[in-house]
């Protein structure tokens, strides 16, 4: 059986975040650009001028007390981590942020659970599990 695609893993993880009422946002760096190669190059140039940073993690979680957790989500099998992604992980950690590369939604959920405040973990535990 083939491993789920990265997009499927991310959708499952987002469902979990919604279920647990965790504040998050996705960074659509991998958004598909449309058009001819020249049109895509122009779009990418514009996006970079607007602040797009290649390699920024896929999802940012925001917790009480100003804690931010950055998650780069990968397929369980058959994925690679680019140099830009590795560099961003290192940069974030040097700056004092929590940053992870997770193989699959299950691993991302396990990482996330470490940061849910204890009083919220009990409150949300009764909501069940997706995975």
C-alpha atoms as a PDB file:
ATOM      1  CA  UNK A   1       0.000   0.000   0.000  1.00  0.00           C
ATOM      2  CA  UNK A   2       1.290   3.449  -0.937  1.00  0.00           C
ATOM      3  CA  UNK A   3       2.042   5.950   1.785  1.00  0.00           C
ATOM      4  CA  UNK A   4      -0.392   8.890   1.902  1.00  0.00           C
ATOM      5  CA  UNK A   5       0.691  12.040   0.076  1.00  0.00           C
ATOM      6  CA  UNK A   6       2.026  14.976   2.069  1.00  0.00           C
ATOM      7  CA  UNK A   7      -1.161  16.913   1.338  1.00  0.00           C
ATOM      8  CA  UNK A   8      -3.233  14.074   2.835  1.00  0.00           C
ATOM      9  CA  UNK A   9      -1.035  14.024   5.941  1.00  0.00           C
ATOM     10  CA  UNK A  10      -1.420  17.789   6.309  1.00  0.00           C
ATOM     11  CA  UNK A  11      -5.215  17.606   5.898  1.00  0.00           C
ATOM     12  CA  UNK A  12      -5.404  14.943   8.629  1.00  0.00           C
ATOM     13  CA  UNK A  13      -3.219  17.069  10.910  1.00  0.00           C
ATOM     14  CA  UNK A  14      -5.370  20.156  10.282  1.00  0.00           C
ATOM     15  CA  UNK A  15      -8.491  18.131  11.158  1.00  0.00           C
ATOM     16  CA  UNK A  16      -6.846  17.261  14.474  1.00  0.00           C
ATOM     17  CA  UNK A  17      -5.921  20.908  15.129  1.00  0.00           C
ATOM     18  CA  UNK A  18      -9.504  21.960  14.438  1.00  0.00           C
ATOM     19  CA  UNK A  19     -10.898  19.205  16.666  1.00  0.00           C
ATOM     20  CA  UNK A  20      -8.594  20.245  19.490  1.00  0.00           C
ATOM     21  CA  UNK A  21      -9.292  23.957  18.940  1.00  0.00           C
ATOM     22  CA  UNK A  22      -5.605  24.788  18.510  1.00  0.00           C
ATOM     23  CA  UNK A  23      -4.749  28.109  16.905  1.00  0.00           C
ATOM     24  CA  UNK A  24      -2.632  27.596  13.793  1.00  0.00           C
ATOM     25  CA  UNK A  25      -1.956  28.798  10.293  1.00  0.00           C
ATOM     26  CA  UNK A  26      -0.506  27.158   7.210  1.00  0.00           C
ATOM     27  CA  UNK A  27       2.259  28.645   5.109  1.00  0.00           C
ATOM     28  CA  UNK A  28       1.420  27.848   1.472  1.00  0.00           C
ATOM     29  CA  UNK A  29       4.998  27.943   0.166  1.00  0.00           C
ATOM     30  CA  UNK A  30       4.259  24.885  -1.955  1.00  0.00           C
ATOM     31  CA  UNK A  31       1.245  26.510  -3.621  1.00  0.00           C
ATOM     32  CA  UNK A  32       0.946  25.488  -7.238  1.00  0.00           C
ATOM     33  CA  UNK A  33       1.702  28.322  -9.625  1.00  0.00           C
ATOM     34  CA  UNK A  34      -0.290  28.292 -12.846  1.00  0.00           C
ATOM     35  CA  UNK A  35       0.460  29.331 -16.392  1.00  0.00           C
ATOM     36  CA  UNK A  36       3.421  29.139 -18.696  1.00  0.00           C
ATOM     37  CA  UNK A  37       6.956  28.836 -17.311  1.00  0.00           C
ATOM     38  CA  UNK A  38       7.413  32.579 -17.858  1.00  0.00           C
ATOM     39  CA  UNK A  39       4.152  33.376 -16.031  1.00  0.00           C
ATOM     40  CA  UNK A  40       5.129  31.091 -13.135  1.00  0.00           C
ATOM     41  CA  UNK A  41       8.563  32.746 -12.928  1.00  0.00           C
ATOM     42  CA  UNK A  42       6.898  36.177 -12.762  1.00  0.00           C
ATOM     43  CA  UNK A  43       4.499  34.967 -10.068  1.00  0.00           C
ATOM     44  CA  UNK A  44       7.381  33.548  -8.029  1.00  0.00           C
ATOM     45  CA  UNK A  45       9.372  36.765  -8.388  1.00  0.00           C
ATOM     46  CA  UNK A  46       6.364  38.762  -7.155  1.00  0.00           C
ATOM     47  CA  UNK A  47       5.779  36.386  -4.227  1.00  0.00           C
ATOM     48  CA  UNK A  48       9.433  36.574  -3.186  1.00  0.00           C
ATOM     49  CA  UNK A  49       9.285  40.383  -3.370  1.00  0.00           C
ATOM     50  CA  UNK A  50       6.246  40.177  -1.059  1.00  0.00           C
ATOM     51  CA  UNK A  51       8.211  38.114   1.474  1.00  0.00           C
ATOM     52  CA  UNK A  52       7.872  34.477   0.443  1.00  0.00           C
ATOM     53  CA  UNK A  53      10.684  32.475   2.016  1.00  0.00           C
ATOM     54  CA  UNK A  54      11.437  29.101   0.469  1.00  0.00           C
ATOM     55  CA  UNK A  55      11.769  26.371   3.092  1.00  0.00           C
ATOM     56  CA  UNK A  56       9.602  27.935   5.817  1.00  0.00           C
ATOM     57  CA  UNK A  57       7.742  25.185   7.718  1.00  0.00           C
ATOM     58  CA  UNK A  58       4.249  24.200   6.579  1.00  0.00           C
ATOM     59  CA  UNK A  59       2.279  24.947   9.746  1.00  0.00           C
ATOM     60  CA  UNK A  60       2.722  27.289  12.696  1.00  0.00           C
ATOM     61  CA  UNK A  61       0.972  26.477  15.984  1.00  0.00           C
ATOM     62  CA  UNK A  62       0.250  29.271  18.453  1.00  0.00           C
ATOM     63  CA  UNK A  63      -0.139  28.484  22.143  1.00  0.00           C
ATOM     64  CA  UNK A  64      -0.819  30.392  25.333  1.00  0.00           C
ATOM     65  CA  UNK A  65       2.013  32.533  26.611  1.00  0.00           C
ATOM     66  CA  UNK A  66       3.320  33.381  23.145  1.00  0.00           C
ATOM     67  CA  UNK A  67       4.686  29.927  22.335  1.00  0.00           C
ATOM     68  CA  UNK A  68       5.049  29.217  18.616  1.00  0.00           C
ATOM     69  CA  UNK A  69       5.747  25.731  17.266  1.00  0.00           C
ATOM     70  CA  UNK A  70       6.793  25.267  13.639  1.00  0.00           C
ATOM     71  CA  UNK A  71       6.060  21.989  11.872  1.00  0.00           C
ATOM     72  CA  UNK A  72       7.407  20.858   8.531  1.00  0.00           C
ATOM     73  CA  UNK A  73       5.188  17.956   7.542  1.00  0.00           C
ATOM     74  CA  UNK A  74       6.479  15.120   5.374  1.00  0.00           C
ATOM     75  CA  UNK A  75       5.125  11.876   4.002  1.00  0.00           C
ATOM     76  CA  UNK A  76       5.818   8.831   6.145  1.00  0.00           C
ATOM     77  CA  UNK A  77       7.761   7.249   3.278  1.00  0.00           C
ATOM     78  CA  UNK A  78       9.316   8.660   0.144  1.00  0.00           C
ATOM     79  CA  UNK A  79       9.873  12.235   1.278  1.00  0.00           C
ATOM     80  CA  UNK A  80      12.981  14.351   1.365  1.00  0.00           C
ATOM     81  CA  UNK A  81      13.823  17.494   3.279  1.00  0.00           C
ATOM     82  CA  UNK A  82      15.332  20.260   1.165  1.00  0.00           C
ATOM     83  CA  UNK A  83      18.389  22.271   2.159  1.00  0.00           C
ATOM     84  CA  UNK A  84      16.171  25.362   2.512  1.00  0.00           C
ATOM     85  CA  UNK A  85      13.862  23.475   4.884  1.00  0.00           C
ATOM     86  CA  UNK A  86      16.796  22.221   6.966  1.00  0.00           C
ATOM     87  CA  UNK A  87      18.248  25.741   7.086  1.00  0.00           C
ATOM     88  CA  UNK A  88      14.930  27.152   8.318  1.00  0.00           C
ATOM     89  CA  UNK A  89      14.701  24.483  11.014  1.00  0.00           C
ATOM     90  CA  UNK A  90      18.154  25.433  12.242  1.00  0.00           C
ATOM     91  CA  UNK A  91      17.433  29.176  12.060  1.00  0.00           C
ATOM     92  CA  UNK A  92      14.209  28.817  14.054  1.00  0.00           C
ATOM     93  CA  UNK A  93      15.908  26.711  16.730  1.00  0.00           C
ATOM     94  CA  UNK A  94      18.797  29.185  17.053  1.00  0.00           C
ATOM     95  CA  UNK A  95      16.207  31.935  17.571  1.00  0.00           C
ATOM     96  CA  UNK A  96      14.642  29.904  20.389  1.00  0.00           C
ATOM     97  CA  UNK A  97      11.552  28.590  18.610  1.00  0.00           C
ATOM     98  CA  UNK A  98      10.327  25.003  18.678  1.00  0.00           C
ATOM     99  CA  UNK A  99      10.718  23.537  15.175  1.00  0.00           C
ATOM    100  CA  UNK A 100      10.141  19.996  13.977  1.00  0.00           C
ATOM    101  CA  UNK A 101      10.188  17.919  10.828  1.00  0.00           C
ATOM    102  CA  UNK A 102       7.423  15.344  11.239  1.00  0.00           C
ATOM    103  CA  UNK A 103       6.944  12.199   9.168  1.00  0.00           C
ATOM    104  CA  UNK A 104       3.168  12.002   8.905  1.00  0.00           C
ATOM    105  CA  UNK A 105       0.195  13.431  10.767  1.00  0.00           C
ATOM    106  CA  UNK A 106       0.561  10.998  13.655  1.00  0.00           C
ATOM    107  CA  UNK A 107       4.062  12.266  14.482  1.00  0.00           C
ATOM    108  CA  UNK A 108       2.900  15.895  14.135  1.00  0.00           C
ATOM    109  CA  UNK A 109       0.045  15.176  16.554  1.00  0.00           C
ATOM    110  CA  UNK A 110       2.455  13.611  19.053  1.00  0.00           C
ATOM    111  CA  UNK A 111       4.671  16.715  18.884  1.00  0.00           C
ATOM    112  CA  UNK A 112       1.659  19.005  19.265  1.00  0.00           C
ATOM    113  CA  UNK A 113       0.400  17.170  22.346  1.00  0.00           C
ATOM    114  CA  UNK A 114       3.622  18.068  24.191  1.00  0.00           C
ATOM    115  CA  UNK A 115       2.642  21.753  24.031  1.00  0.00           C
ATOM    116  CA  UNK A 116      -1.058  21.660  24.857  1.00  0.00           C
ATOM    117  CA  UNK A 117      -1.470  23.186  28.334  1.00  0.00           C
ATOM    118  CA  UNK A 118      -2.425  20.521  30.893  1.00  0.00           C
ATOM    119  CA  UNK A 119      -5.825  22.063  31.664  1.00  0.00           C
ATOM    120  CA  UNK A 120      -6.709  22.127  27.948  1.00  0.00           C
ATOM    121  CA  UNK A 121      -5.412  18.607  27.322  1.00  0.00           C
ATOM    122  CA  UNK A 122      -7.957  17.177  29.790  1.00  0.00           C
ATOM    123  CA  UNK A 123     -10.718  19.336  28.353  1.00  0.00           C
ATOM    124  CA  UNK A 124      -9.950  18.275  24.782  1.00  0.00           C
ATOM    125  CA  UNK A 125      -9.187  14.599  25.459  1.00  0.00           C
ATOM    126  CA  UNK A 126     -12.870  13.749  25.583  1.00  0.00           C
ATOM    127  CA  UNK A 127     -13.245  14.934  21.962  1.00  0.00           C
ATOM    128  CA  UNK A 128     -11.566  11.801  20.641  1.00  0.00           C
ATOM    129  CA  UNK A 129      -8.822  11.073  18.189  1.00  0.00           C
ATOM    130  CA  UNK A 130      -8.618  11.102  14.405  1.00  0.00           C
ATOM    131  CA  UNK A 131      -5.620   8.809  14.172  1.00  0.00           C
END
